[in-house]
């Protein structure tokens, strides 16, 4: 018996192949979805996983009730903390790995070239997916 009987919860996949991942294409420089003819541009495979990963890193975890607690990144927790620079680099890498490895399509993640420009982080995120390797600069 379910509280909401008209909605069924799909059973979790316990193995086998995942369906081809599809997502909205992103303009990474502008930070907005791409639109064509009044509709969002849909991409599949590696580009779709990259789009999801980019948004997951850019979204604050636990802030928006529309997202599950598994989605988003906790980078903003480092703002104002009196940590040493090495500690901030390490924590930033851990937060990004935690955010990206929540996807079943991402199998590995690494964060390299973490630098500060004043008080702003810059880092390179590289990850392996079921479709190949990809990355972006944050």
Protein backbone atom coordinates (compact mmCIF):
# COMPACT_ATOMS: atom_id res chain seq x y z
CA UNK A 1 0.00 0.00 0.00
CA UNK A 2 1.41 3.34 -1.01
CA UNK A 3 0.57 6.82 0.15
CA UNK A 4 0.49 7.88 -3.51
CA UNK A 5 -0.86 4.82 -5.36
CA UNK A 6 -1.06 6.53 -8.77
CA UNK A 7 2.74 6.92 -8.83
CA UNK A 8 4.86 3.83 -8.79
CA UNK A 9 8.49 3.92 -7.82
CA UNK A 10 10.63 2.06 -10.34
CA UNK A 11 12.72 -0.74 -8.94
CA UNK A 12 16.39 0.06 -8.61
CA UNK A 13 18.61 -1.48 -11.23
CA UNK A 14 20.83 -4.09 -9.69
CA UNK A 15 23.00 -4.72 -12.69
CA UNK A 16 22.98 -4.81 -16.43
CA UNK A 17 23.27 -1.93 -18.81
CA UNK A 18 22.06 1.55 -18.07
CA UNK A 19 19.98 3.25 -20.75
CA UNK A 20 21.68 5.74 -23.07
CA UNK A 21 21.96 8.94 -21.05
CA UNK A 22 20.27 12.02 -22.53
CA UNK A 23 20.39 15.56 -21.16
CA UNK A 24 20.12 19.19 -22.18
CA UNK A 25 23.16 20.65 -23.95
CA UNK A 26 24.90 23.48 -22.14
CA UNK A 27 26.67 26.66 -23.19
CA UNK A 28 29.44 26.28 -20.60
CA UNK A 29 30.77 29.83 -21.05
CA UNK A 30 27.37 31.44 -20.45
CA UNK A 31 26.22 28.80 -17.94
CA UNK A 32 22.89 28.34 -19.70
CA UNK A 33 21.14 25.54 -21.59
CA UNK A 34 21.22 25.67 -25.39
CA UNK A 35 17.92 26.33 -27.16
CA UNK A 36 16.96 25.85 -30.77
CA UNK A 37 13.56 26.72 -32.22
CA UNK A 38 12.08 27.28 -28.76
CA UNK A 39 13.14 23.86 -27.47
CA UNK A 40 16.17 22.78 -25.47
CA UNK A 41 18.88 20.98 -27.44
CA UNK A 42 19.15 17.38 -26.25
CA UNK A 43 22.45 15.50 -26.38
CA UNK A 44 23.24 11.89 -25.52
CA UNK A 45 26.17 9.85 -24.33
CA UNK A 46 29.40 11.51 -23.27
CA UNK A 47 28.25 15.08 -23.92
CA UNK A 48 25.08 14.47 -21.89
CA UNK A 49 27.06 13.17 -18.91
CA UNK A 50 29.41 16.17 -19.17
CA UNK A 51 26.38 18.49 -19.11
CA UNK A 52 25.02 16.75 -16.00
CA UNK A 53 28.43 16.84 -14.29
CA UNK A 54 28.96 20.53 -15.00
CA UNK A 55 25.55 21.41 -13.51
CA UNK A 56 26.08 19.10 -10.52
CA UNK A 57 29.30 20.92 -9.64
CA UNK A 58 27.65 24.32 -10.16
CA UNK A 59 24.61 23.51 -7.97
CA UNK A 60 24.81 23.92 -4.20
CA UNK A 61 24.00 20.65 -2.45
CA UNK A 62 21.11 20.65 0.06
CA UNK A 63 19.93 24.15 -0.93
CA UNK A 64 17.12 23.37 -3.36
CA UNK A 65 14.24 21.10 -2.32
CA UNK A 66 13.66 20.12 -5.95
CA UNK A 67 16.92 18.11 -5.95
CA UNK A 68 17.72 15.01 -3.93
CA UNK A 69 20.45 15.27 -1.31
CA UNK A 70 22.67 13.21 -3.62
CA UNK A 71 22.76 16.00 -6.21
CA UNK A 72 24.99 19.04 -6.10
CA UNK A 73 28.33 20.05 -4.69
CA UNK A 74 29.36 21.41 -1.30
CA UNK A 75 32.10 23.77 -2.53
CA UNK A 76 30.48 26.82 -0.99
CA UNK A 77 31.12 25.28 2.46
CA UNK A 78 34.73 26.38 1.98
CA UNK A 79 33.82 30.06 1.71
CA UNK A 80 35.02 31.97 4.75
CA UNK A 81 36.71 28.99 6.36
CA UNK A 82 40.12 29.67 7.95
CA UNK A 83 41.71 26.58 6.35
CA UNK A 84 45.20 26.51 4.91
CA UNK A 85 45.36 26.65 1.10
CA UNK A 86 46.37 22.97 0.87
CA UNK A 87 43.39 21.97 3.01
CA UNK A 88 41.02 23.98 0.80
CA UNK A 89 42.48 22.34 -2.32
CA UNK A 90 42.05 18.88 -0.82
CA UNK A 91 38.50 19.55 0.37
CA UNK A 92 37.50 21.08 -2.98
CA UNK A 93 38.71 17.96 -4.78
CA UNK A 94 36.84 15.73 -2.33
CA UNK A 95 33.61 17.71 -2.70
CA UNK A 96 33.75 17.50 -6.50
CA UNK A 97 34.52 13.78 -6.49
CA UNK A 98 31.64 13.19 -4.09
CA UNK A 99 29.26 15.14 -6.34
CA UNK A 100 30.26 13.43 -9.57
CA UNK A 101 30.61 9.86 -8.34
CA UNK A 102 26.95 9.89 -7.29
CA UNK A 103 26.12 9.29 -10.98
CA UNK A 104 26.08 5.67 -12.12
CA UNK A 105 27.39 6.89 -15.50
CA UNK A 106 30.63 8.27 -13.98
CA UNK A 107 33.16 5.64 -12.96
CA UNK A 108 36.13 7.75 -11.86
CA UNK A 109 36.94 11.40 -11.20
CA UNK A 110 40.06 13.44 -10.58
CA UNK A 111 40.65 17.10 -9.82
CA UNK A 112 43.94 18.65 -10.91
CA UNK A 113 45.53 22.03 -11.32
CA UNK A 114 43.74 23.59 -8.34
CA UNK A 115 44.82 27.22 -8.11
CA UNK A 116 43.66 30.41 -6.44
CA UNK A 117 43.09 33.69 -8.25
CA UNK A 118 42.73 35.91 -5.22
CA UNK A 119 39.93 34.18 -3.34
CA UNK A 120 38.54 32.34 -6.38
CA UNK A 121 39.23 28.64 -7.00
CA UNK A 122 40.13 27.41 -10.45
CA UNK A 123 40.50 23.70 -11.10
CA UNK A 124 40.44 21.12 -13.85
CA UNK A 125 37.94 18.29 -13.42
CA UNK A 126 38.46 15.10 -15.41
CA UNK A 127 36.20 12.08 -15.23
CA UNK A 128 35.68 8.71 -16.86
CA UNK A 129 32.21 7.68 -17.92
CA UNK A 130 30.62 4.65 -19.50
CA UNK A 131 31.10 6.50 -22.81
CA UNK A 132 34.70 7.68 -22.46
CA UNK A 133 36.71 10.41 -20.75
CA UNK A 134 35.77 14.07 -20.48
CA UNK A 135 36.53 17.10 -18.40
CA UNK A 136 36.03 20.81 -17.86
CA UNK A 137 37.62 23.77 -16.11
CA UNK A 138 35.86 25.33 -13.12
